Amino acid sequence: MPASIRWVLYFMLAGAFTGLHAQPAIFHGADLKLGQKLIDENKCVECHASKVPGDGSAIYKPKGRINTAGMLRGMVEQCNTELNMGMFPEEVDAVSAVLNKNYYKFK
Protein backbone atom coordinates (compact mmCIF):
# COMPACT_ATOMS: atom_id res chain seq x y z
CA MET A 1 0.00 0.00 0.00
CA PRO A 2 1.43 3.41 -0.93
CA ALA A 3 2.48 5.63 1.96
CA SER A 4 0.02 8.36 0.97
CA ILE A 5 -2.91 5.95 1.30
CA ARG A 6 -1.60 4.66 4.64
CA TRP A 7 -1.49 8.25 5.97
CA VAL A 8 -5.03 8.94 4.77
CA LEU A 9 -6.26 5.76 6.49
CA TYR A 10 -4.33 6.65 9.63
CA PHE A 11 -5.94 10.10 9.88
CA MET A 12 -9.39 8.71 9.11
CA LEU A 13 -9.05 6.16 11.90
CA ALA A 14 -7.55 8.71 14.27
CA GLY A 15 -10.52 11.00 13.64
CA ALA A 16 -12.97 8.15 14.22
CA PHE A 17 -11.38 7.21 17.53
CA THR A 18 -11.10 10.81 18.74
CA GLY A 19 -14.88 10.87 19.16
CA LEU A 20 -14.67 7.87 21.47
CA HIS A 21 -12.50 9.81 23.91
CA ALA A 22 -14.54 13.00 23.91
CA GLN A 23 -16.23 11.78 27.09
CA PRO A 24 -14.44 12.12 30.44
CA ALA A 25 -12.64 9.01 31.67
CA ILE A 26 -15.43 8.34 34.17
CA PHE A 27 -17.77 7.61 31.22
CA HIS A 28 -15.39 5.65 28.97
CA GLY A 29 -17.02 2.40 27.99
CA ALA A 30 -20.51 3.60 28.91
CA ASP A 31 -23.29 2.17 26.75
CA LEU A 32 -24.94 5.24 25.21
CA LYS A 33 -27.77 3.23 23.64
CA LEU A 34 -28.59 1.72 27.02
CA GLY A 35 -28.42 5.16 28.63
CA GLN A 36 -30.88 6.63 26.16
CA LYS A 37 -33.18 3.62 26.57
CA LEU A 38 -33.16 4.08 30.36
CA ILE A 39 -33.84 7.82 30.04
CA ASP A 40 -36.82 7.06 27.81
CA GLU A 41 -38.17 4.15 29.89
CA ASN A 42 -37.89 6.03 33.17
CA LYS A 43 -39.49 9.16 31.69
CA CYS A 44 -36.66 11.37 32.92
CA VAL A 45 -37.54 14.19 30.51
CA GLU A 46 -41.16 14.24 31.67
CA CYS A 47 -40.11 14.30 35.31
CA HIS A 48 -37.68 17.16 34.71
CA ALA A 49 -40.28 19.07 32.68
CA SER A 50 -42.61 18.90 35.67
CA LYS A 51 -39.96 20.62 37.82
CA VAL A 52 -38.79 23.45 35.53
CA PRO A 53 -40.49 25.63 32.92
CA GLY A 54 -40.55 24.58 29.28
CA ASP A 55 -39.44 21.21 27.98
CA GLY A 56 -37.37 20.29 31.05
CA SER A 57 -34.00 20.96 29.47
CA ALA A 58 -33.52 24.02 31.68
CA ILE A 59 -32.65 21.61 34.49
CA TYR A 60 -29.37 20.91 32.69
CA LYS A 61 -27.09 23.81 33.54
CA PRO A 62 -23.42 23.04 32.81
CA LYS A 63 -22.24 26.07 34.79
CA GLY A 64 -24.77 25.67 37.58
CA ARG A 65 -24.68 23.18 40.42
CA ILE A 66 -23.08 20.49 38.28
CA ASN A 67 -19.57 21.52 37.28
CA THR A 68 -17.78 18.20 36.78
CA ALA A 69 -18.48 14.80 35.27
CA GLY A 70 -18.32 13.29 38.75
CA MET A 71 -20.98 15.68 40.02
CA LEU A 72 -23.17 14.79 37.04
CA ARG A 73 -22.86 11.10 37.81
CA GLY A 74 -23.65 11.86 41.45
CA MET A 75 -26.86 13.66 40.50
CA VAL A 76 -27.96 10.73 38.34
CA GLU A 77 -27.21 8.40 41.26
CA GLN A 78 -29.24 10.70 43.53
CA CYS A 79 -32.25 10.40 41.19
CA ASN A 80 -31.70 6.64 41.07
CA THR A 81 -31.71 6.41 44.86
CA GLU A 82 -34.49 8.92 45.64
CA LEU A 83 -36.84 7.48 43.02
CA ASN A 84 -35.92 3.88 43.87
CA MET A 85 -35.15 3.17 40.22
CA GLY A 86 -32.88 0.21 40.94
CA MET A 87 -30.26 1.06 38.33
CA PHE A 88 -26.93 -0.71 38.53
CA PRO A 89 -23.71 1.37 38.54
CA GLU A 90 -23.08 0.71 34.83
CA GLU A 91 -26.61 1.92 34.08
CA VAL A 92 -26.02 5.12 36.07
CA ASP A 93 -22.82 5.56 34.06
CA ALA A 94 -24.73 5.04 30.80
CA VAL A 95 -27.41 7.61 31.67
CA SER A 96 -24.76 10.07 32.87
CA ALA A 97 -22.74 9.62 29.67
CA VAL A 98 -25.80 10.38 27.51
CA LEU A 99 -26.57 13.51 29.54
CA ASN A 100 -22.95 14.58 29.25
CA LYS A 101 -22.93 14.00 25.50
CA ASN A 102 -26.19 15.86 24.92
CA TYR A 103 -26.06 18.69 27.48
CA TYR A 104 -22.97 19.06 29.66
CA LYS A 105 -20.10 18.26 27.30
CA PHE A 106 -17.48 17.74 30.01
CA LYS A 107 -14.18 16.51 28.52
PDB file of N, CA and C in Angstrom:
ATOM      1  N   MET A   1       0.859  -1.178   0.000  1.00  0.00           N
ATOM      2  CA  MET A   1       0.000   0.000   0.000  1.00  0.00           C
ATOM      3  C   MET A   1       0.900   1.233   0.000  1.00  0.00           C
ATOM      4  N   PRO A   2       0.618   2.183  -0.883  1.00  0.00           N
ATOM      5  CA  PRO A   2       1.426   3.407  -0.932  1.00  0.00           C
ATOM      6  C   PRO A   2       1.350   4.182   0.384  1.00  0.00           C
ATOM      7  N   ALA A   3       2.409   4.868   0.706  1.00  0.00           N
ATOM      8  CA  ALA A   3       2.484   5.630   1.960  1.00  0.00           C
ATOM      9  C   ALA A   3       1.386   6.678   2.044  1.00  0.00           C
ATOM     10  N   SER A   4       1.047   7.316   0.939  1.00  0.00           N
ATOM     11  CA  SER A   4       0.020   8.359   0.972  1.00  0.00           C
ATOM     12  C   SER A   4      -1.331   7.785   1.382  1.00  0.00           C
ATOM     13  N   ILE A   5      -1.648   6.591   0.925  1.00  0.00           N
ATOM     14  CA  ILE A   5      -2.915   5.950   1.299  1.00  0.00           C
ATOM     15  C   ILE A   5      -2.882   5.536   2.767  1.00  0.00           C
ATOM     16  N   ARG A   6      -1.725   5.036   3.213  1.00  0.00           N
ATOM     17  CA  ARG A   6      -1.597   4.660   4.637  1.00  0.00           C
ATOM     18  C   ARG A   6      -1.843   5.870   5.530  1.00  0.00           C
ATOM     19  N   TRP A   7      -1.294   7.049   5.169  1.00  0.00           N
ATOM     20  CA  TRP A   7      -1.492   8.249   5.975  1.00  0.00           C
ATOM     21  C   TRP A   7      -2.950   8.678   5.986  1.00  0.00           C
ATOM     22  N   VAL A   8      -3.609   8.590   4.838  1.00  0.00           N
ATOM     23  CA  VAL A   8      -5.028   8.937   4.770  1.00  0.00           C
ATOM     24  C   VAL A   8      -5.828   8.016   5.688  1.00  0.00           C
ATOM     25  N   LEU A   9      -5.559   6.721   5.621  1.00  0.00           N
ATOM     26  CA  LEU A   9      -6.257   5.759   6.490  1.00  0.00           C
ATOM     27  C   LEU A   9      -5.959   6.037   7.956  1.00  0.00           C
ATOM     28  N   TYR A  10      -4.717   6.352   8.259  1.00  0.00           N
ATOM     29  CA  TYR A  10      -4.330   6.653   9.635  1.00  0.00           C
ATOM     30  C   TYR A  10      -5.136   7.829  10.175  1.00  0.00           C
ATOM     31  N   PHE A  11      -5.212   8.922   9.404  1.00  0.00           N
ATOM     32  CA  PHE A  11      -5.935  10.102   9.875  1.00  0.00           C
ATOM     33  C   PHE A  11      -7.437   9.863   9.946  1.00  0.00           C
ATOM     34  N   MET A  12      -7.971   9.038   9.047  1.00  0.00           N
ATOM     35  CA  MET A  12      -9.391   8.708   9.115  1.00  0.00           C
ATOM     36  C   MET A  12      -9.688   7.925  10.387  1.00  0.00           C
ATOM     37  N   LEU A  13      -8.854   6.940  10.679  1.00  0.00           N
ATOM     38  CA  LEU A  13      -9.055   6.157  11.898  1.00  0.00           C
ATOM     39  C   LEU A  13      -8.828   6.999  13.144  1.00  0.00           C
ATOM     40  N   ALA A  14      -7.814   7.839  13.113  1.00  0.00           N
ATOM     41  CA  ALA A  14      -7.549   8.706  14.270  1.00  0.00           C
ATOM     42  C   ALA A  14      -8.746   9.606  14.535  1.00  0.00           C
ATOM     43  N   GLY A  15      -9.338  10.146  13.490  1.00  0.00           N
ATOM     44  CA  GLY A  15     -10.522  10.998  13.644  1.00  0.00           C
ATOM     45  C   GLY A  15     -11.698  10.221  14.192  1.00  0.00           C
ATOM     46  N   ALA A  16     -11.855   8.980  13.745  1.00  0.00           N
ATOM     47  CA  ALA A  16     -12.966   8.147  14.225  1.00  0.00           C
ATOM     48  C   ALA A  16     -12.805   7.839  15.701  1.00  0.00           C
ATOM     49  N   PHE A  17     -11.575   7.562  16.137  1.00  0.00           N
ATOM     50  CA  PHE A  17     -11.375   7.209  17.531  1.00  0.00           C
ATOM     51  C   PHE A  17     -11.350   8.418  18.447  1.00  0.00           C
ATOM     52  N   THR A  18     -11.087   9.591  17.921  1.00  0.00           N
ATOM     53  CA  THR A  18     -11.101  10.805  18.736  1.00  0.00           C
ATOM     54  C   THR A  18     -12.463  11.000  19.370  1.00  0.00           C
ATOM     55  N   GLY A  19     -13.528  10.726  18.639  1.00  0.00           N
ATOM     56  CA  GLY A  19     -14.877  10.872  19.164  1.00  0.00           C
ATOM     57  C   GLY A  19     -15.148   9.959  20.334  1.00  0.00           C
ATOM     58  N   LEU A  20     -14.461   8.810  20.366  1.00  0.00           N
ATOM     59  CA  LEU A  20     -14.671   7.874  21.471  1.00  0.00           C
ATOM     60  C   LEU A  20     -14.141   8.439  22.779  1.00  0.00           C
ATOM     61  N   HIS A  21     -13.129   9.293  22.702  1.00  0.00           N
ATOM     62  CA  HIS A  21     -12.497   9.807  23.913  1.00  0.00           C
ATOM     63  C   HIS A  21     -12.970  11.210  24.266  1.00  0.00           C
ATOM     64  N   ALA A  22     -14.015  11.677  23.599  1.00  0.00           N
ATOM     65  CA  ALA A  22     -14.539  13.003  23.906  1.00  0.00           C
ATOM     66  C   ALA A  22     -15.188  13.026  25.278  1.00  0.00           C
ATOM     67  N   GLN A  23     -15.616  11.879  25.766  1.00  0.00           N
ATOM     68  CA  GLN A  23     -16.230  11.785  27.092  1.00  0.00           C
ATOM     69  C   GLN A  23     -15.124  11.755  28.154  1.00  0.00           C
ATOM     70  N   PRO A  24     -15.407  12.234  29.353  1.00  0.00           N
ATOM     71  CA  PRO A  24     -14.438  12.116  30.443  1.00  0.00           C
ATOM     72  C   PRO A  24     -14.162  10.641  30.751  1.00  0.00           C
ATOM     73  N   ALA A  25     -13.031  10.388  31.354  1.00  0.00           N
ATOM     74  CA  ALA A  25     -12.637   9.010  31.669  1.00  0.00           C
ATOM     75  C   ALA A  25     -13.705   8.274  32.477  1.00  0.00           C
ATOM     76  N   ILE A  26     -14.404   8.980  33.332  1.00  0.00           N
ATOM     77  CA  ILE A  26     -15.430   8.343  34.167  1.00  0.00           C
ATOM     78  C   ILE A  26     -16.529   7.681  33.324  1.00  0.00           C
ATOM     79  N   PHE A  27     -16.721   8.151  32.085  1.00  0.00           N
ATOM     80  CA  PHE A  27     -17.771   7.607  31.225  1.00  0.00           C
ATOM     81  C   PHE A  27     -17.242   6.718  30.096  1.00  0.00           C
ATOM     82  N   HIS A  28     -15.928   6.511  30.022  1.00  0.00           N
ATOM     83  CA  HIS A  28     -15.391   5.650  28.971  1.00  0.00           C
ATOM     84  C   HIS A  28     -15.986   4.253  29.105  1.00  0.00           C
ATOM     85  N   GLY A  29     -16.425   3.732  28.003  1.00  0.00           N
ATOM     86  CA  GLY A  29     -17.021   2.399  27.992  1.00  0.00           C
ATOM     87  C   GLY A  29     -18.506   2.391  28.303  1.00  0.00           C
ATOM     88  N   ALA A  30     -19.076   3.541  28.604  1.00  0.00           N
ATOM     89  CA  ALA A  30     -20.512   3.604  28.912  1.00  0.00           C
ATOM     90  C   ALA A  30     -21.319   3.291  27.661  1.00  0.00           C
ATOM     91  N   ASP A  31     -22.408   2.587  27.841  1.00  0.00           N
ATOM     92  CA  ASP A  31     -23.286   2.174  26.746  1.00  0.00           C
ATOM     93  C   ASP A  31     -24.312   3.283  26.495  1.00  0.00           C
ATOM     94  N   LEU A  32     -24.068   4.103  25.478  1.00  0.00           N
ATOM     95  CA  LEU A  32     -24.940   5.242  25.205  1.00  0.00           C
ATOM     96  C   LEU A  32     -26.340   4.810  24.779  1.00  0.00           C
ATOM     97  N   LYS A  33     -26.443   3.716  24.047  1.00  0.00           N
ATOM     98  CA  LYS A  33     -27.773   3.232  23.642  1.00  0.00           C
ATOM     99  C   LYS A  33     -28.578   2.807  24.862  1.00  0.00           C
ATOM    100  N   LEU A  34     -27.933   2.114  25.781  1.00  0.00           N
ATOM    101  CA  LEU A  34     -28.594   1.718  27.024  1.00  0.00           C
ATOM    102  C   LEU A  34     -28.998   2.948  27.818  1.00  0.00           C
ATOM    103  N   GLY A  35     -28.114   3.937  27.894  1.00  0.00           N
ATOM    104  CA  GLY A  35     -28.421   5.159  28.633  1.00  0.00           C
ATOM    105  C   GLY A  35     -29.641   5.859  28.081  1.00  0.00           C
ATOM    106  N   GLN A  36     -29.725   5.979  26.762  1.00  0.00           N
ATOM    107  CA  GLN A  36     -30.883   6.633  26.157  1.00  0.00           C
ATOM    108  C   GLN A  36     -32.150   5.818  26.393  1.00  0.00           C
ATOM    109  N   LYS A  37     -32.022   4.510  26.313  1.00  0.00           N
ATOM    110  CA  LYS A  37     -33.175   3.625  26.574  1.00  0.00           C
ATOM    111  C   LYS A  37     -33.682   3.821  28.006  1.00  0.00           C
ATOM    112  N   LEU A  38     -32.773   3.891  28.962  1.00  0.00           N
ATOM    113  CA  LEU A  38     -33.158   4.078  30.363  1.00  0.00           C
ATOM    114  C   LEU A  38     -33.793   5.453  30.588  1.00  0.00           C
ATOM    115  N   ILE A  39     -33.256   6.477  29.938  1.00  0.00           N
ATOM    116  CA  ILE A  39     -33.838   7.823  30.045  1.00  0.00           C
ATOM    117  C   ILE A  39     -35.272   7.803  29.537  1.00  0.00           C
ATOM    118  N   ASP A  40     -35.478   7.142  28.404  1.00  0.00           N
ATOM    119  CA  ASP A  40     -36.822   7.064  27.814  1.00  0.00           C
ATOM    120  C   ASP A  40     -37.766   6.231  28.676  1.00  0.00           C
ATOM    121  N   GLU A  41     -37.321   5.051  29.100  1.00  0.00           N
ATOM    122  CA  GLU A  41     -38.170   4.146  29.888  1.00  0.00           C
ATOM    123  C   GLU A  41     -38.565   4.741  31.233  1.00  0.00           C
ATOM    124  N   ASN A  42     -37.632   5.470  31.840  1.00  0.00           N
ATOM    125  CA  ASN A  42     -37.894   6.030  33.168  1.00  0.00           C
ATOM    126  C   ASN A  42     -38.526   7.417  33.111  1.00  0.00           C
ATOM    127  N   LYS A  43     -38.801   7.884  31.894  1.00  0.00           N
ATOM    128  CA  LYS A  43     -39.488   9.161  31.687  1.00  0.00           C
ATOM    129  C   LYS A  43     -38.777  10.323  32.391  1.00  0.00           C
ATOM    130  N   CYS A  44     -37.455  10.331  32.277  1.00  0.00           N
ATOM    131  CA  CYS A  44     -36.656  11.374  32.918  1.00  0.00           C
ATOM    132  C   CYS A  44     -37.024  12.763  32.407  1.00  0.00           C
ATOM    133  N   VAL A  45     -37.222  12.882  31.095  1.00  0.00           N
ATOM    134  CA  VAL A  45     -37.542  14.191  30.512  1.00  0.00           C
ATOM    135  C   VAL A  45     -38.866  14.700  31.063  1.00  0.00           C
ATOM    136  N   GLU A  46     -39.859  13.825  31.151  1.00  0.00           N
ATOM    137  CA  GLU A  46     -41.162  14.240  31.670  1.00  0.00           C
ATOM    138  C   GLU A  46     -41.071  14.675  33.128  1.00  0.00           C
ATOM    139  N   CYS A  47     -40.293  13.958  33.898  1.00  0.00           N
ATOM    140  CA  CYS A  47     -40.115  14.304  35.309  1.00  0.00           C
ATOM    141  C   CYS A  47     -39.442  15.668  35.435  1.00  0.00           C
ATOM    142  N   HIS A  48     -38.381  15.886  34.660  1.00  0.00           N
ATOM    143  CA  HIS A  48     -37.676  17.164  34.715  1.00  0.00           C
ATOM    144  C   HIS A  48     -38.570  18.299  34.232  1.00  0.00           C
ATOM    145  N   ALA A  49     -39.375  18.038  33.205  1.00  0.00           N
ATOM    146  CA  ALA A  49     -40.277  19.074  32.681  1.00  0.00           C
ATOM    147  C   ALA A  49     -41.304  19.480  33.727  1.00  0.00           C
ATOM    148  N   SER A  50     -41.644  18.567  34.626  1.00  0.00           N
ATOM    149  CA  SER A  50     -42.610  18.903  35.669  1.00  0.00           C
ATOM    150  C   SER A  50     -41.991  19.782  36.758  1.00  0.00           C
ATOM    151  N   LYS A  51     -40.654  19.868  36.775  1.00  0.00           N
ATOM    152  CA  LYS A  51     -39.960  20.622  37.817  1.00  0.00           C
ATOM    153  C   LYS A  51     -39.460  21.994  37.363  1.00  0.00           C
ATOM    154  N   VAL A  52     -39.300  22.172  36.059  1.00  0.00           N
ATOM    155  CA  VAL A  52     -38.794  23.451  35.533  1.00  0.00           C
ATOM    156  C   VAL A  52     -39.666  23.879  34.356  1.00  0.00           C
ATOM    157  N   PRO A  53     -39.678  25.161  34.047  1.00  0.00           N
ATOM    158  CA  PRO A  53     -40.492  25.635  32.920  1.00  0.00           C
ATOM    159  C   PRO A  53     -40.016  25.060  31.582  1.00  0.00           C
ATOM    160  N   GLY A  54     -40.900  25.004  30.636  1.00  0.00           N
ATOM    161  CA  GLY A  54     -40.552  24.578  29.282  1.00  0.00           C
ATOM    162  C   GLY A  54     -40.496  23.078  29.122  1.00  0.00           C
ATOM    163  N   ASP A  55     -39.540  22.635  28.330  1.00  0.00           N
ATOM    164  CA  ASP A  55     -39.439  21.209  27.983  1.00  0.00           C
ATOM    165  C   ASP A  55     -38.633  20.396  28.986  1.00  0.00           C
ATOM    166  N   GLY A  56     -38.150  20.994  30.035  1.00  0.00           N
ATOM    167  CA  GLY A  56     -37.375  20.285  31.050  1.00  0.00           C
ATOM    168  C   GLY A  56     -35.881  20.409  30.867  1.00  0.00           C
ATOM    169  N   SER A  57     -35.438  20.878  29.716  1.00  0.00           N
ATOM    170  CA  SER A  57     -33.996  20.956  29.474  1.00  0.00           C
ATOM    171  C   SER A  57     -33.323  22.044  30.304  1.00  0.00           C
ATOM    172  N   ALA A  58     -34.105  22.962  30.849  1.00  0.00           N
ATOM    173  CA  ALA A  58     -33.523  24.017  31.683  1.00  0.00           C
ATOM    174  C   ALA A  58     -32.900  23.450  32.957  1.00  0.00           C
ATOM    175  N   ILE A  59     -33.233  22.226  33.290  1.00  0.00           N
ATOM    176  CA  ILE A  59     -32.654  21.608  34.487  1.00  0.00           C
ATOM    177  C   ILE A  59     -31.174  21.279  34.279  1.00  0.00           C
ATOM    178  N   TYR A  60     -30.771  21.198  33.005  1.00  0.00           N
ATOM    179  CA  TYR A  60     -29.371  20.908  32.694  1.00  0.00           C
ATOM    180  C   TYR A  60     -28.620  22.213  32.553  1.00  0.00           C
ATOM    181  N   LYS A  61     -27.844  22.550  33.567  1.00  0.00           N
ATOM    182  CA  LYS A  61     -27.086  23.807  33.540  1.00  0.00           C
ATOM    183  C   LYS A  61     -25.615  23.498  33.762  1.00  0.00           C
ATOM    184  N   PRO A  62     -24.838  23.411  32.673  1.00  0.00           N
ATOM    185  CA  PRO A  62     -23.424  23.044  32.810  1.00  0.00           C
ATOM    186  C   PRO A  62     -22.636  23.927  33.759  1.00  0.00           C
ATOM    187  N   LYS A  63     -22.996  25.188  33.903  1.00  0.00           N
ATOM    188  CA  LYS A  63     -22.243  26.068  34.789  1.00  0.00           C
ATOM    189  C   LYS A  63     -23.006  26.325  36.089  1.00  0.00           C
ATOM    190  N   GLY A  64     -23.985  25.528  36.359  1.00  0.00           N
ATOM    191  CA  GLY A  64     -24.770  25.665  37.576  1.00  0.00           C
ATOM    192  C   GLY A  64     -24.213  24.795  38.681  1.00  0.00           C
ATOM    193  N   ARG A  65     -25.078  24.030  39.293  1.00  0.00           N
ATOM    194  CA  ARG A  65     -24.678  23.183  40.417  1.00  0.00           C
ATOM    195  C   ARG A  65     -23.761  22.046  39.994  1.00  0.00           C
ATOM    196  N   ILE A  66     -23.862  21.627  38.753  1.00  0.00           N
ATOM    197  CA  ILE A  66     -23.080  20.489  38.282  1.00  0.00           C
ATOM    198  C   ILE A  66     -21.942  21.010  37.419  1.00  0.00           C
ATOM    199  N   ASN A  67     -20.730  20.942  37.961  1.00  0.00           N
ATOM    200  CA  ASN A  67     -19.570  21.518  37.283  1.00  0.00           C
ATOM    201  C   ASN A  67     -18.526  20.500  36.857  1.00  0.00           C
ATOM    202  N   THR A  68     -18.735  19.236  37.175  1.00  0.00           N
ATOM    203  CA  THR A  68     -17.781  18.197  36.778  1.00  0.00           C
ATOM    204  C   THR A  68     -18.555  16.948  36.374  1.00  0.00           C
ATOM    205  N   ALA A  69     -17.872  16.075  35.667  1.00  0.00           N
ATOM    206  CA  ALA A  69     -18.483  14.804  35.266  1.00  0.00           C
ATOM    207  C   ALA A  69     -18.854  13.974  36.495  1.00  0.00           C
ATOM    208  N   GLY A  70     -18.027  14.027  37.527  1.00  0.00           N
ATOM    209  CA  GLY A  70     -18.321  13.291  38.751  1.00  0.00           C
ATOM    210  C   GLY A  70     -19.582  13.794  39.437  1.00  0.00           C
ATOM    211  N   MET A  71     -19.770  15.116  39.425  1.00  0.00           N
ATOM    212  CA  MET A  71     -20.982  15.680  40.023  1.00  0.00           C
ATOM    213  C   MET A  71     -22.213  15.288  39.210  1.00  0.00           C
ATOM    214  N   LEU A  72     -22.067  15.234  37.892  1.00  0.00           N
ATOM    215  CA  LEU A  72     -23.171  14.795  37.037  1.00  0.00           C
ATOM    216  C   LEU A  72     -23.554  13.366  37.374  1.00  0.00           C
ATOM    217  N   ARG A  73     -22.569  12.485  37.471  1.00  0.00           N
ATOM    218  CA  ARG A  73     -22.857  11.096  37.806  1.00  0.00           C
ATOM    219  C   ARG A  73     -23.518  11.013  39.181  1.00  0.00           C
ATOM    220  N   GLY A  74     -23.059  11.836  40.118  1.00  0.00           N
ATOM    221  CA  GLY A  74     -23.645  11.858  41.451  1.00  0.00           C
ATOM    222  C   GLY A  74     -25.110  12.274  41.446  1.00  0.00           C
ATOM    223  N   MET A  75     -25.455  13.235  40.595  1.00  0.00           N
ATOM    224  CA  MET A  75     -26.860  13.658  40.505  1.00  0.00           C
ATOM    225  C   MET A  75     -27.728  12.556  39.910  1.00  0.00           C
ATOM    226  N   VAL A  76     -27.202  11.846  38.912  1.00  0.00           N
ATOM    227  CA  VAL A  76     -27.962  10.730  38.343  1.00  0.00           C
ATOM    228  C   VAL A  76     -28.139   9.647  39.400  1.00  0.00           C
ATOM    229  N   GLU A  77     -27.100   9.396  40.181  1.00  0.00           N
ATOM    230  CA  GLU A  77     -27.209   8.405  41.260  1.00  0.00           C
ATOM    231  C   GLU A  77     -28.213   8.864  42.303  1.00  0.00           C
ATOM    232  N   GLN A  78     -28.269  10.169  42.570  1.00  0.00           N
ATOM    233  CA  GLN A  78     -29.240  10.695  43.531  1.00  0.00           C
ATOM    234  C   GLN A  78     -30.666  10.441  43.030  1.00  0.00           C
ATOM    235  N   CYS A  79     -30.926  10.699  41.754  1.00  0.00           N
ATOM    236  CA  CYS A  79     -32.253  10.396  41.187  1.00  0.00           C
ATOM    237  C   CYS A  79     -32.540   8.902  41.314  1.00  0.00           C
ATOM    238  N   ASN A  80     -31.552   8.093  40.987  1.00  0.00           N
ATOM    239  CA  ASN A  80     -31.700   6.642  41.067  1.00  0.00           C
ATOM    240  C   ASN A  80     -32.106   6.211  42.474  1.00  0.00           C
ATOM    241  N   THR A  81     -31.445   6.780  43.469  1.00  0.00           N
ATOM    242  CA  THR A  81     -31.711   6.415  44.863  1.00  0.00           C
ATOM    243  C   THR A  81     -33.046   6.974  45.346  1.00  0.00           C
ATOM    244  N   GLU A  82     -33.266   8.275  45.139  1.00  0.00           N
ATOM    245  CA  GLU A  82     -34.489   8.915  45.641  1.00  0.00           C
ATOM    246  C   GLU A  82     -35.753   8.352  45.008  1.00  0.00           C
ATOM    247  N   LEU A  83     -35.662   7.994  43.730  1.00  0.00           N
ATOM    248  CA  LEU A  83     -36.840   7.482  43.022  1.00  0.00           C
ATOM    249  C   LEU A  83     -36.908   5.961  43.025  1.00  0.00           C
ATOM    250  N   ASN A  84     -35.961   5.342  43.744  1.00  0.00           N
ATOM    251  CA  ASN A  84     -35.920   3.882  43.875  1.00  0.00           C
ATOM    252  C   ASN A  84     -35.986   3.198  42.502  1.00  0.00           C
ATOM    253  N   MET A  85     -35.144   3.667  41.583  1.00  0.00           N
ATOM    254  CA  MET A  85     -35.150   3.167  40.217  1.00  0.00           C
ATOM    255  C   MET A  85     -34.452   1.821  40.078  1.00  0.00           C
ATOM    256  N   GLY A  86     -33.548   1.511  40.965  1.00  0.00           N
ATOM    257  CA  GLY A  86     -32.880   0.214  40.943  1.00  0.00           C
ATOM    258  C   GLY A  86     -31.847   0.054  39.843  1.00  0.00           C
ATOM    259  N   MET A  87     -31.274   1.165  39.377  1.00  0.00           N
ATOM    260  CA  MET A  87     -30.257   1.060  38.331  1.00  0.00           C
ATOM    261  C   MET A  87     -28.941   0.582  38.934  1.00  0.00           C
ATOM    262  N   PHE A  88     -28.260  -0.253  38.167  1.00  0.00           N
ATOM    263  CA  PHE A  88     -26.926  -0.714  38.531  1.00  0.00           C
ATOM    264  C   PHE A  88     -25.915   0.379  38.204  1.00  0.00           C
ATOM    265  N   PRO A  89     -24.712   0.326  38.800  1.00  0.00           N
ATOM    266  CA  PRO A  89     -23.711   1.370  38.541  1.00  0.00           C
ATOM    267  C   PRO A  89     -23.424   1.595  37.055  1.00  0.00           C
ATOM    268  N   GLU A  90     -23.351   0.527  36.265  1.00  0.00           N
ATOM    269  CA  GLU A  90     -23.076   0.706  34.834  1.00  0.00           C
ATOM    270  C   GLU A  90     -24.249   1.385  34.117  1.00  0.00           C
ATOM    271  N   GLU A  91     -25.452   1.238  34.650  1.00  0.00           N
ATOM    272  CA  GLU A  91     -26.610   1.921  34.080  1.00  0.00           C
ATOM    273  C   GLU A  91     -26.593   3.408  34.435  1.00  0.00           C
ATOM    274  N   VAL A  92     -26.183   3.719  35.660  1.00  0.00           N
ATOM    275  CA  VAL A  92     -26.024   5.117  36.068  1.00  0.00           C
ATOM    276  C   VAL A  92     -24.953   5.770  35.197  1.00  0.00           C
ATOM    277  N   ASP A  93     -23.867   5.048  34.945  1.00  0.00           N
ATOM    278  CA  ASP A  93     -22.816   5.560  34.061  1.00  0.00           C
ATOM    279  C   ASP A  93     -23.369   5.833  32.667  1.00  0.00           C
ATOM    280  N   ALA A  94     -24.181   4.908  32.153  1.00  0.00           N
ATOM    281  CA  ALA A  94     -24.732   5.041  30.803  1.00  0.00           C
ATOM    282  C   ALA A  94     -25.634   6.263  30.695  1.00  0.00           C
ATOM    283  N   VAL A  95     -26.520   6.451  31.662  1.00  0.00           N
ATOM    284  CA  VAL A  95     -27.413   7.613  31.668  1.00  0.00           C
ATOM    285  C   VAL A  95     -26.585   8.895  31.786  1.00  0.00           C
ATOM    286  N   SER A  96     -25.614   8.897  32.671  1.00  0.00           N
ATOM    287  CA  SER A  96     -24.758  10.070  32.867  1.00  0.00           C
ATOM    288  C   SER A  96     -23.996  10.414  31.589  1.00  0.00           C
ATOM    289  N   ALA A  97     -23.498   9.401  30.903  1.00  0.00           N
ATOM    290  CA  ALA A  97     -22.744   9.622  29.665  1.00  0.00           C
ATOM    291  C   ALA A  97     -23.625  10.240  28.584  1.00  0.00           C
ATOM    292  N   VAL A  98     -24.878   9.796  28.492  1.00  0.00           N
ATOM    293  CA  VAL A  98     -25.803  10.383  27.514  1.00  0.00           C
ATOM    294  C   VAL A  98     -26.075  11.841  27.860  1.00  0.00           C
ATOM    295  N   LEU A  99     -26.324  12.128  29.122  1.00  0.00           N
ATOM    296  CA  LEU A  99     -26.567  13.513  29.542  1.00  0.00           C
ATOM    297  C   LEU A  99     -25.350  14.382  29.270  1.00  0.00           C
ATOM    298  N   ASN A 100     -24.170  13.826  29.521  1.00  0.00           N
ATOM    299  CA  ASN A 100     -22.953  14.581  29.253  1.00  0.00           C
ATOM    300  C   ASN A 100     -22.810  14.856  27.758  1.00  0.00           C
ATOM    301  N   LYS A 101     -23.050  13.855  26.956  1.00  0.00           N
ATOM    302  CA  LYS A 101     -22.929  14.001  25.500  1.00  0.00           C
ATOM    303  C   LYS A 101     -23.917  15.034  24.968  1.00  0.00           C
ATOM    304  N   ASN A 102     -25.144  15.006  25.466  1.00  0.00           N
ATOM    305  CA  ASN A 102     -26.193  15.861  24.922  1.00  0.00           C
ATOM    306  C   ASN A 102     -26.253  17.259  25.529  1.00  0.00           C
ATOM    307  N   TYR A 103     -25.848  17.413  26.791  1.00  0.00           N
ATOM    308  CA  TYR A 103     -26.061  18.687  27.484  1.00  0.00           C
ATOM    309  C   TYR A 103     -24.796  19.293  28.102  1.00  0.00           C
ATOM    310  N   TYR A 104     -24.050  18.506  28.849  1.00  0.00           N
ATOM    311  CA  TYR A 104     -22.969  19.064  29.655  1.00  0.00           C
ATOM    312  C   TYR A 104     -21.648  19.230  28.907  1.00  0.00           C
ATOM    313  N   LYS A 105     -21.292  18.226  28.139  1.00  0.00           N
ATOM    314  CA  LYS A 105     -20.098  18.260  27.295  1.00  0.00           C
ATOM    315  C   LYS A 105     -18.800  18.405  28.086  1.00  0.00           C
ATOM    316  N   PHE A 106     -18.737  17.775  29.267  1.00  0.00           N
ATOM    317  CA  PHE A 106     -17.476  17.741  30.010  1.00  0.00           C
ATOM    318  C   PHE A 106     -16.494  16.876  29.233  1.00  0.00           C
ATOM    319  N   LYS A 107     -15.226  17.263  29.238  1.00  0.00           N
ATOM    320  CA  LYS A 107     -14.179  16.513  28.520  1.00  0.00           C
ATOM    321  C   LYS A 107     -13.340  15.726  29.481  1.00  0.00           C
TER     322      LYS A 107
END
